[in-house]
C-alpha atoms as a PDB file:
ATOM      1  CA  UNK A   1      79.633 125.507 186.390  1.00  0.00           C
ATOM      2  CA  UNK A   2      79.900 122.090 184.766  1.00  0.00           C
ATOM      3  CA  UNK A   3      76.171 122.338 184.019  1.00  0.00           C
ATOM      4  CA  UNK A   4      76.719 125.575 182.074  1.00  0.00           C
ATOM      5  CA  UNK A   5      79.426 123.882 179.982  1.00  0.00           C
ATOM      6  CA  UNK A   6      77.094 120.908 179.483  1.00  0.00           C
ATOM      7  CA  UNK A   7      74.199 123.051 178.254  1.00  0.00           C
ATOM      8  CA  UNK A   8      76.460 125.106 175.994  1.00  0.00           C
ATOM      9  CA  UNK A   9      77.666 121.898 174.364  1.00  0.00           C
ATOM     10  CA  UNK A  10      74.077 120.789 173.828  1.00  0.00           C
ATOM     11  CA  UNK A  11      73.331 124.131 172.167  1.00  0.00           C
ATOM     12  CA  UNK A  12      75.821 123.123 169.490  1.00  0.00           C
ATOM     13  CA  UNK A  13      74.816 119.462 169.343  1.00  0.00           C
ATOM     14  CA  UNK A  14      71.102 120.055 168.857  1.00  0.00           C
ATOM     15  CA  UNK A  15      71.606 121.806 165.523  1.00  0.00           C
ATOM     16  CA  UNK A  16      69.207 120.168 163.066  1.00  0.00           C
ATOM     17  CA  UNK A  17      71.900 119.075 160.636  1.00  0.00           C
ATOM     18  CA  UNK A  18      73.939 117.267 163.301  1.00  0.00           C
ATOM     19  CA  UNK A  19      71.019 115.963 165.358  1.00  0.00           C
ATOM     20  CA  UNK A  20      69.037 114.572 162.433  1.00  0.00           C
ATOM     21  CA  UNK A  21      72.046 113.080 160.670  1.00  0.00           C
ATOM     22  CA  UNK A  22      73.259 111.384 163.859  1.00  0.00           C
ATOM     23  CA  UNK A  23      69.906 110.074 165.106  1.00  0.00           C
ATOM     24  CA  UNK A  24      68.618 109.017 161.696  1.00  0.00           C
ATOM     25  CA  UNK A  25      72.003 107.652 160.608  1.00  0.00           C
ATOM     26  CA  UNK A  26      72.343 105.389 163.654  1.00  0.00           C
ATOM     27  CA  UNK A  27      68.717 104.290 163.324  1.00  0.00           C
ATOM     28  CA  UNK A  28      69.220 103.470 159.641  1.00  0.00           C
ATOM     29  CA  UNK A  29      72.391 101.495 160.353  1.00  0.00           C
ATOM     30  CA  UNK A  30      70.777  99.427 163.119  1.00  0.00           C
ATOM     31  CA  UNK A  31      67.620  98.870 161.080  1.00  0.00           C
ATOM     32  CA  UNK A  32      69.628  97.732 158.066  1.00  0.00           C
ATOM     33  CA  UNK A  33      71.287  95.035 160.153  1.00  0.00           C
ATOM     34  CA  UNK A  34      67.876  93.888 161.384  1.00  0.00           C
ATOM     35  CA  UNK A  35      66.453  93.751 157.861  1.00  0.00           C
ATOM     36  CA  UNK A  36      69.416  91.806 156.506  1.00  0.00           C
ATOM     37  CA  UNK A  37      69.337  89.467 159.505  1.00  0.00           C
ATOM     38  CA  UNK A  38      65.680  88.529 159.129  1.00  0.00           C
ATOM     39  CA  UNK A  39      65.641  88.475 155.334  1.00  0.00           C
ATOM     40  CA  UNK A  40      68.655  86.147 155.082  1.00  0.00           C
ATOM     41  CA  UNK A  41      67.921  83.934 158.101  1.00  0.00           C
ATOM     42  CA  UNK A  42      67.317  80.277 157.150  1.00  0.00           C
ATOM     43  CA  UNK A  43      64.260  78.454 158.487  1.00  0.00           C
ATOM     44  CA  UNK A  44      66.382  76.016 160.486  1.00  0.00           C
ATOM     45  CA  UNK A  45      70.039  75.490 161.223  1.00  0.00           C
ATOM     46  CA  UNK A  46      72.369  78.356 160.404  1.00  0.00           C
ATOM     47  CA  UNK A  47      73.582  79.917 157.219  1.00  0.00           C
ATOM     48  CA  UNK A  48      76.819  81.860 156.990  1.00  0.00           C
ATOM     49  CA  UNK A  49      76.830  82.420 160.738  1.00  0.00           C
ATOM     50  CA  UNK A  50      73.330  83.914 160.709  1.00  0.00           C
ATOM     51  CA  UNK A  51      70.762  82.758 163.274  1.00  0.00           C
ATOM     52  CA  UNK A  52      67.800  80.746 162.006  1.00  0.00           C
ATOM     53  CA  UNK A  53      64.176  81.863 162.191  1.00  0.00           C
ATOM     54  CA  UNK A  54      63.722  79.408 165.042  1.00  0.00           C
ATOM     55  CA  UNK A  55      66.553  81.073 166.961  1.00  0.00           C
ATOM     56  CA  UNK A  56      65.091  84.518 166.292  1.00  0.00           C
ATOM     57  CA  UNK A  57      61.878  83.406 167.976  1.00  0.00           C
ATOM     58  CA  UNK A  58      63.747  82.856 171.254  1.00  0.00           C
ATOM     59  CA  UNK A  59      63.523  85.360 174.142  1.00  0.00           C
ATOM     60  CA  UNK A  60      66.712  87.137 173.022  1.00  0.00           C
ATOM     61  CA  UNK A  61      65.638  87.346 169.364  1.00  0.00           C
ATOM     62  CA  UNK A  62      64.593  90.979 169.733  1.00  0.00           C
ATOM     63  CA  UNK A  63      68.111  92.187 170.444  1.00  0.00           C
ATOM     64  CA  UNK A  64      70.030  90.023 167.957  1.00  0.00           C
ATOM     65  CA  UNK A  65      69.897  92.614 165.170  1.00  0.00           C
ATOM     66  CA  UNK A  66      71.104  95.542 167.270  1.00  0.00           C
ATOM     67  CA  UNK A  67      73.678  93.311 168.963  1.00  0.00           C
ATOM     68  CA  UNK A  68      75.192  92.489 165.561  1.00  0.00           C
ATOM     69  CA  UNK A  69      75.402  96.197 164.736  1.00  0.00           C
ATOM     70  CA  UNK A  70      77.301  97.223 167.870  1.00  0.00           C
ATOM     71  CA  UNK A  71      80.669  97.712 166.176  1.00  0.00           C
ATOM     72  CA  UNK A  72      79.145  99.939 163.498  1.00  0.00           C
ATOM     73  CA  UNK A  73      77.258 101.943 166.128  1.00  0.00           C
ATOM     74  CA  UNK A  74      80.437 102.273 168.175  1.00  0.00           C
ATOM     75  CA  UNK A  75      82.503 103.423 165.209  1.00  0.00           C
ATOM     76  CA  UNK A  76      79.911 106.054 164.322  1.00  0.00           C
ATOM     77  CA  UNK A  77      79.846 107.250 167.953  1.00  0.00           C
ATOM     78  CA  UNK A  78      83.655 107.439 167.951  1.00  0.00           C
ATOM     79  CA  UNK A  79      83.708 109.448 164.725  1.00  0.00           C
ATOM     80  CA  UNK A  80      81.103 111.961 165.877  1.00  0.00           C
ATOM     81  CA  UNK A  81      82.786 112.455 169.253  1.00  0.00           C
ATOM     82  CA  UNK A  82      86.241 112.876 167.690  1.00  0.00           C
ATOM     83  CA  UNK A  83      84.932 115.386 165.166  1.00  0.00           C
ATOM     84  CA  UNK A  84      83.142 117.424 167.830  1.00  0.00           C
ATOM     85  CA  UNK A  85      86.280 117.605 169.949  1.00  0.00           C
ATOM     86  CA  UNK A  86      88.703 118.442 167.134  1.00  0.00           C
ATOM     87  CA  UNK A  87      86.416 120.959 165.425  1.00  0.00           C
ATOM     88  CA  UNK A  88      86.689 123.307 168.411  1.00  0.00           C
ATOM     89  CA  UNK A  89      90.354 123.809 167.505  1.00  0.00           C
ATOM     90  CA  UNK A  90      89.994 124.034 163.729  1.00  0.00           C
ATOM     91  CA  UNK A  91      87.164 126.596 163.943  1.00  0.00           C
ATOM     92  CA  UNK A  92      88.773 128.560 166.758  1.00  0.00           C
ATOM     93  CA  UNK A  93      85.650 128.393 168.949  1.00  0.00           C
ATOM     94  CA  UNK A  94      87.566 126.962 171.895  1.00  0.00           C
ATOM     95  CA  UNK A  95      89.145 130.347 172.624  1.00  0.00           C
ATOM     96  CA  UNK A  96      85.698 131.909 172.878  1.00  0.00           C
ATOM     97  CA  UNK A  97      84.547 129.174 175.250  1.00  0.00           C
ATOM     98  CA  UNK A  98      87.570 129.628 177.479  1.00  0.00           C
ATOM     99  CA  UNK A  99      86.786 133.327 177.810  1.00  0.00           C
ATOM    100  CA  UNK A 100      83.408 132.399 179.306  1.00  0.00           C
ATOM    101  CA  UNK A 101      84.738 129.424 181.299  1.00  0.00           C
ATOM    102  CA  UNK A 102      88.470 129.707 182.059  1.00  0.00           C
ATOM    103  CA  UNK A 103      88.430 126.564 184.231  1.00  0.00           C
ATOM    104  CA  UNK A 104      89.533 124.155 181.563  1.00  0.00           C
ATOM    105  CA  UNK A 105      88.862 120.889 183.376  1.00  0.00           C
ATOM    106  CA  UNK A 106      85.325 122.059 184.181  1.00  0.00           C
ATOM    107  CA  UNK A 107      84.769 122.988 180.553  1.00  0.00           C
ATOM    108  CA  UNK A 108      86.147 119.655 179.348  1.00  0.00           C
ATOM    109  CA  UNK A 109      83.950 117.732 181.799  1.00  0.00           C
ATOM    110  CA  UNK A 110      80.826 119.557 180.669  1.00  0.00           C
ATOM    111  CA  UNK A 111      81.635 119.041 176.984  1.00  0.00           C
ATOM    112  CA  UNK A 112      82.336 115.349 177.563  1.00  0.00           C
ATOM    113  CA  UNK A 113      79.044 114.826 179.399  1.00  0.00           C
ATOM    114  CA  UNK A 114      77.226 116.684 176.637  1.00  0.00           C
ATOM    115  CA  UNK A 115      78.638 114.582 173.793  1.00  0.00           C
ATOM    116  CA  UNK A 116      78.240 111.291 175.678  1.00  0.00           C
ATOM    117  CA  UNK A 117      74.611 112.025 176.604  1.00  0.00           C
ATOM    118  CA  UNK A 118      73.883 113.089 173.012  1.00  0.00           C
ATOM    119  CA  UNK A 119      75.244 109.827 171.605  1.00  0.00           C
ATOM    120  CA  UNK A 120      73.448 107.741 174.232  1.00  0.00           C
ATOM    121  CA  UNK A 121      70.141 109.352 173.275  1.00  0.00           C
ATOM    122  CA  UNK A 122      70.937 108.689 169.612  1.00  0.00           C
ATOM    123  CA  UNK A 123      71.558 105.032 170.481  1.00  0.00           C
ATOM    124  CA  UNK A 124      68.276 104.750 172.378  1.00  0.00           C
ATOM    125  CA  UNK A 125      66.443 106.239 169.399  1.00  0.00           C
ATOM    126  CA  UNK A 126      68.214 103.835 167.033  1.00  0.00           C
ATOM    127  CA  UNK A 127      67.324 100.882 169.275  1.00  0.00           C
ATOM    128  CA  UNK A 128      63.623 101.839 169.378  1.00  0.00           C
ATOM    129  CA  UNK A 129      63.492 102.177 165.586  1.00  0.00           C
ATOM    130  CA  UNK A 130      65.375  98.890 165.105  1.00  0.00           C
ATOM    131  CA  UNK A 131      62.973  97.093 167.462  1.00  0.00           C
ATOM    132  CA  UNK A 132      59.994  98.391 165.479  1.00  0.00           C
ATOM    133  CA  UNK A 133      61.638  97.179 162.267  1.00  0.00           C
ATOM    134  CA  UNK A 134      62.329  93.804 163.930  1.00  0.00           C
ATOM    135  CA  UNK A 135      58.635  93.414 164.760  1.00  0.00           C
ATOM    136  CA  UNK A 136      57.661  94.119 161.156  1.00  0.00           C
ATOM    137  CA  UNK A 137      60.312  91.753 159.783  1.00  0.00           C
ATOM    138  CA  UNK A 138      59.300  89.034 162.250  1.00  0.00           C
ATOM    139  CA  UNK A 139      55.709  89.217 161.019  1.00  0.00           C
ATOM    140  CA  UNK A 140      56.826  89.102 157.397  1.00  0.00           C
ATOM    141  CA  UNK A 141      58.934  85.966 158.009  1.00  0.00           C
ATOM    142  CA  UNK A 142      56.405  84.260 160.286  1.00  0.00           C
ATOM    143  CA  UNK A 143      58.586  84.498 163.412  1.00  0.00           C
ATOM    144  CA  UNK A 144      56.676  84.355 166.694  1.00  0.00           C
ATOM    145  CA  UNK A 145      57.448  87.326 168.945  1.00  0.00           C
ATOM    146  CA  UNK A 146      55.676  86.019 172.041  1.00  0.00           C
ATOM    147  CA  UNK A 147      58.911  85.012 173.783  1.00  0.00           C
ATOM    148  CA  UNK A 148      60.432  88.435 173.158  1.00  0.00           C
ATOM    149  CA  UNK A 149      58.092  90.034 175.670  1.00  0.00           C
ATOM    150  CA  UNK A 150      58.311  87.331 178.314  1.00  0.00           C
ATOM    151  CA  UNK A 151      60.097  87.940 181.598  1.00  0.00           C
ATOM    152  CA  UNK A 152      63.264  86.311 180.276  1.00  0.00           C
ATOM    153  CA  UNK A 153      63.038  88.215 177.009  1.00  0.00           C
ATOM    154  CA  UNK A 154      62.702  91.608 178.682  1.00  0.00           C
ATOM    155  CA  UNK A 155      65.560  90.787 181.070  1.00  0.00           C
ATOM    156  CA  UNK A 156      67.788  89.868 178.119  1.00  0.00           C
ATOM    157  CA  UNK A 157      66.691  93.035 176.335  1.00  0.00           C
ATOM    158  CA  UNK A 158      67.563  95.480 179.113  1.00  0.00           C
ATOM    159  CA  UNK A 159      70.798  93.636 179.897  1.00  0.00           C
ATOM    160  CA  UNK A 160      71.895  93.857 176.273  1.00  0.00           C
ATOM    161  CA  UNK A 161      70.914  97.529 176.014  1.00  0.00           C
ATOM    162  CA  UNK A 162      72.894  98.335 179.153  1.00  0.00           C
ATOM    163  CA  UNK A 163      75.991  96.578 177.838  1.00  0.00           C
ATOM    164  CA  UNK A 164      75.786  98.290 174.452  1.00  0.00           C
ATOM    165  CA  UNK A 165      75.238 101.670 176.151  1.00  0.00           C
ATOM    166  CA  UNK A 166      78.415 101.148 178.195  1.00  0.00           C
ATOM    167  CA  UNK A 167      80.324 100.390 175.003  1.00  0.00           C
ATOM    168  CA  UNK A 168      78.885 103.516 173.329  1.00  0.00           C
ATOM    169  CA  UNK A 169      80.155 105.584 176.276  1.00  0.00           C
ATOM    170  CA  UNK A 170      83.590 104.025 175.845  1.00  0.00           C
ATOM    171  CA  UNK A 171      83.744 104.683 172.100  1.00  0.00           C
ATOM    172  CA  UNK A 172      82.582 108.271 172.691  1.00  0.00           C
ATOM    173  CA  UNK A 173      85.225 108.991 175.335  1.00  0.00           C
ATOM    174  CA  UNK A 174      87.961 107.524 173.148  1.00  0.00           C
ATOM    175  CA  UNK A 175      86.756 109.674 170.260  1.00  0.00           C
ATOM    176  CA  UNK A 176      86.802 112.823 172.384  1.00  0.00           C
ATOM    177  CA  UNK A 177      90.314 112.022 173.614  1.00  0.00           C
ATOM    178  CA  UNK A 178      91.688 111.367 170.106  1.00  0.00           C
ATOM    179  CA  UNK A 179      90.096 114.567 168.816  1.00  0.00           C
ATOM    180  CA  UNK A 180      91.668 116.431 171.715  1.00  0.00           C
ATOM    181  CA  UNK A 181      95.143 115.059 170.947  1.00  0.00           C
ATOM    182  CA  UNK A 182      95.064 115.358 167.141  1.00  0.00           C
ATOM    183  CA  UNK A 183      93.001 118.593 166.810  1.00  0.00           C
ATOM    184  CA  UNK A 184      92.022 117.712 163.242  1.00  0.00           C
ATOM    185  CA  UNK A 185      88.510 116.372 162.716  1.00  0.00           C
ATOM    186  CA  UNK A 186      89.321 114.498 159.514  1.00  0.00           C
ATOM    187  CA  UNK A 187      92.617 113.020 160.697  1.00  0.00           C
ATOM    188  CA  UNK A 188      91.278 112.007 164.114  1.00  0.00           C
ATOM    189  CA  UNK A 189      88.325 110.188 162.529  1.00  0.00           C
ATOM    190  CA  UNK A 190      90.578 108.427 160.006  1.00  0.00           C
ATOM    191  CA  UNK A 191      93.059 107.480 162.728  1.00  0.00           C
ATOM    192  CA  UNK A 192      90.335 106.067 164.968  1.00  0.00           C
ATOM    193  CA  UNK A 193      88.640 104.125 162.183  1.00  0.00           C
ATOM    194  CA  UNK A 194      91.957 102.691 161.012  1.00  0.00           C
ATOM    195  CA  UNK A 195      92.798 101.535 164.522  1.00  0.00           C
ATOM    196  CA  UNK A 196      89.435  99.962 165.315  1.00  0.00           C
ATOM    197  CA  UNK A 197      88.745  98.379 161.931  1.00  0.00           C
ATOM    198  CA  UNK A 198      92.186  97.467 160.620  1.00  0.00           C
ATOM    199  CA  UNK A 199      95.109  97.784 163.021  1.00  0.00           C
ATOM    200  CA  UNK A 200      93.586  95.869 165.935  1.00  0.00           C
ATOM    201  CA  UNK A 201      92.544  93.013 163.650  1.00  0.00           C
ATOM    202  CA  UNK A 202      96.009  92.857 162.108  1.00  0.00           C
ATOM    203  CA  UNK A 203      97.680  92.840 165.524  1.00  0.00           C
ATOM    204  CA  UNK A 204      95.267  90.177 166.792  1.00  0.00           C
ATOM    205  CA  UNK A 205      95.991  87.953 163.779  1.00  0.00           C
ATOM    206  CA  UNK A 206      99.758  88.294 164.132  1.00  0.00           C
ATOM    207  CA  UNK A 207      99.770  87.889 167.915  1.00  0.00           C
ATOM    208  CA  UNK A 208      96.453  86.185 168.873  1.00  0.00           C
ATOM    209  CA  UNK A 209      97.057  86.505 172.604  1.00  0.00           C
ATOM    210  CA  UNK A 210      96.884  90.309 172.421  1.00  0.00           C
ATOM    211  CA  UNK A 211      93.270  90.485 171.215  1.00  0.00           C
ATOM    212  CA  UNK A 212      91.764  90.523 174.691  1.00  0.00           C
ATOM    213  CA  UNK A 213      94.003  93.416 175.739  1.00  0.00           C
ATOM    214  CA  UNK A 214      93.196  95.820 172.888  1.00  0.00           C
ATOM    215  CA  UNK A 215      90.814  98.742 173.632  1.00  0.00           C
ATOM    216  CA  UNK A 216      88.497  98.333 170.650  1.00  0.00           C
ATOM    217  CA  UNK A 217      88.082  94.612 171.180  1.00  0.00           C
ATOM    218  CA  UNK A 218      87.558  95.161 174.899  1.00  0.00           C
ATOM    219  CA  UNK A 219      84.644  97.475 174.077  1.00  0.00           C
ATOM    220  CA  UNK A 220      83.270  94.926 171.627  1.00  0.00           C
ATOM    221  CA  UNK A 221      83.402  92.341 174.428  1.00  0.00           C
ATOM    222  CA  UNK A 222      81.434  94.696 176.664  1.00  0.00           C
ATOM    223  CA  UNK A 223      78.869  95.364 173.930  1.00  0.00           C
ATOM    224  CA  UNK A 224      78.238  91.658 173.334  1.00  0.00           C
ATOM    225  CA  UNK A 225      78.197  90.743 177.025  1.00  0.00           C
ATOM    226  CA  UNK A 226      81.262  88.554 176.708  1.00  0.00           C
ATOM    227  CA  UNK A 227      79.302  86.021 174.667  1.00  0.00           C
ATOM    228  CA  UNK A 228      82.414  85.083 172.698  1.00  0.00           C
ATOM    229  CA  UNK A 229      86.035  85.044 173.803  1.00  0.00           C
ATOM    230  CA  UNK A 230      86.933  86.978 176.996  1.00  0.00           C
ATOM    231  CA  UNK A 231      84.357  87.400 179.753  1.00  0.00           C
ATOM    232  CA  UNK A 232      82.304  90.544 180.281  1.00  0.00           C
ATOM    233  CA  UNK A 233      84.159  91.347 183.502  1.00  0.00           C
ATOM    234  CA  UNK A 234      87.512  91.082 181.719  1.00  0.00           C
ATOM    235  CA  UNK A 235      86.350  93.327 178.892  1.00  0.00           C
ATOM    236  CA  UNK A 236      85.018  95.907 181.330  1.00  0.00           C
ATOM    237  CA  UNK A 237      88.238  95.898 183.362  1.00  0.00           C
ATOM    238  CA  UNK A 238      90.464  96.335 180.301  1.00  0.00           C
ATOM    239  CA  UNK A 239      88.214  99.021 178.810  1.00  0.00           C
ATOM    240  CA  UNK A 240      88.087 100.863 182.150  1.00  0.00           C
ATOM    241  CA  UNK A 241      91.893 101.039 182.333  1.00  0.00           C
ATOM    242  CA  UNK A 242      92.125 102.481 178.815  1.00  0.00           C
ATOM    243  CA  UNK A 243      89.285 104.930 179.471  1.00  0.00           C
ATOM    244  CA  UNK A 244      90.807 106.245 182.689  1.00  0.00           C
ATOM    245  CA  UNK A 245      94.167 106.670 180.948  1.00  0.00           C
ATOM    246  CA  UNK A 246      92.493 108.474 178.015  1.00  0.00           C
ATOM    247  CA  UNK A 247      90.523 110.804 180.311  1.00  0.00           C
ATOM    248  CA  UNK A 248      93.558 111.687 182.418  1.00  0.00           C
ATOM    249  CA  UNK A 249      95.781 112.247 179.371  1.00  0.00           C
ATOM    250  CA  UNK A 250      93.119 114.368 177.653  1.00  0.00           C
ATOM    251  CA  UNK A 251      92.576 116.452 180.797  1.00  0.00           C
ATOM    252  CA  UNK A 252      96.310 117.099 181.233  1.00  0.00           C
ATOM    253  CA  UNK A 253      96.735 117.970 177.561  1.00  0.00           C
ATOM    254  CA  UNK A 254      93.728 120.271 177.578  1.00  0.00           C
ATOM    255  CA  UNK A 255      94.898 121.971 180.773  1.00  0.00           C
ATOM    256  CA  UNK A 256      98.390 122.708 179.474  1.00  0.00           C
ATOM    257  CA  UNK A 257      97.830 123.298 175.751  1.00  0.00           C
ATOM    258  CA  UNK A 258      98.143 126.827 174.377  1.00  0.00           C
ATOM    259  CA  UNK A 259      94.968 127.672 172.445  1.00  0.00           C
ATOM    260  CA  UNK A 260      95.539 131.433 172.114  1.00  0.00           C
ATOM    261  CA  UNK A 261      97.376 131.179 168.818  1.00  0.00           C
END
């Protein structure tokens, strides 16, 4: 029965307007970071925190551009997931779905799997496009790409992709939960963006010790592999606690909420 809810969600998600805007939008965002990274990279040393061309020629140079774009990719994933969850209430389609599948937890599980898988595929597409752009930019700036496809380079690549994919799942689940609680697509997106972009940074600046315990920053730690600040294991543990709490709260709310009105 979960599979039926999953496929019904994909019927909605694969609409051309949503599919093309999501896939092409994420690809454009990731590619833009790659272009800016290579075009502004100094020959040696570092400029404004950017890696040099020499550093981009290292085994992990292929994933630097996408790695820098993880927060933007996560925010977009959050916004799309929140909108998809909240829109069911504003358009009144949830009542129709519950007629076909009265088991609410089953319906919620299928919808969650549908949205998460959709956003993961969008991320994979964006990564492939960004890698192609990175190859072109590397040639234009005279950066050797030989190390990118070495054993170490491919290991770094798949490790980074796995970590970013985990973060995308986290952002998506948080978005679905917020959309479920708020039931307004616009307000849930604004609320999520404000929290991730502004509120967490303000809290972290006022009380620096709290940064490693905030959900958005925990997901950022996961996405970057714990390269800066808290370790990857710490980020995953903190994010897992928030995700479990969000899933349980969303399931309870969805199970008990009156949607007949």
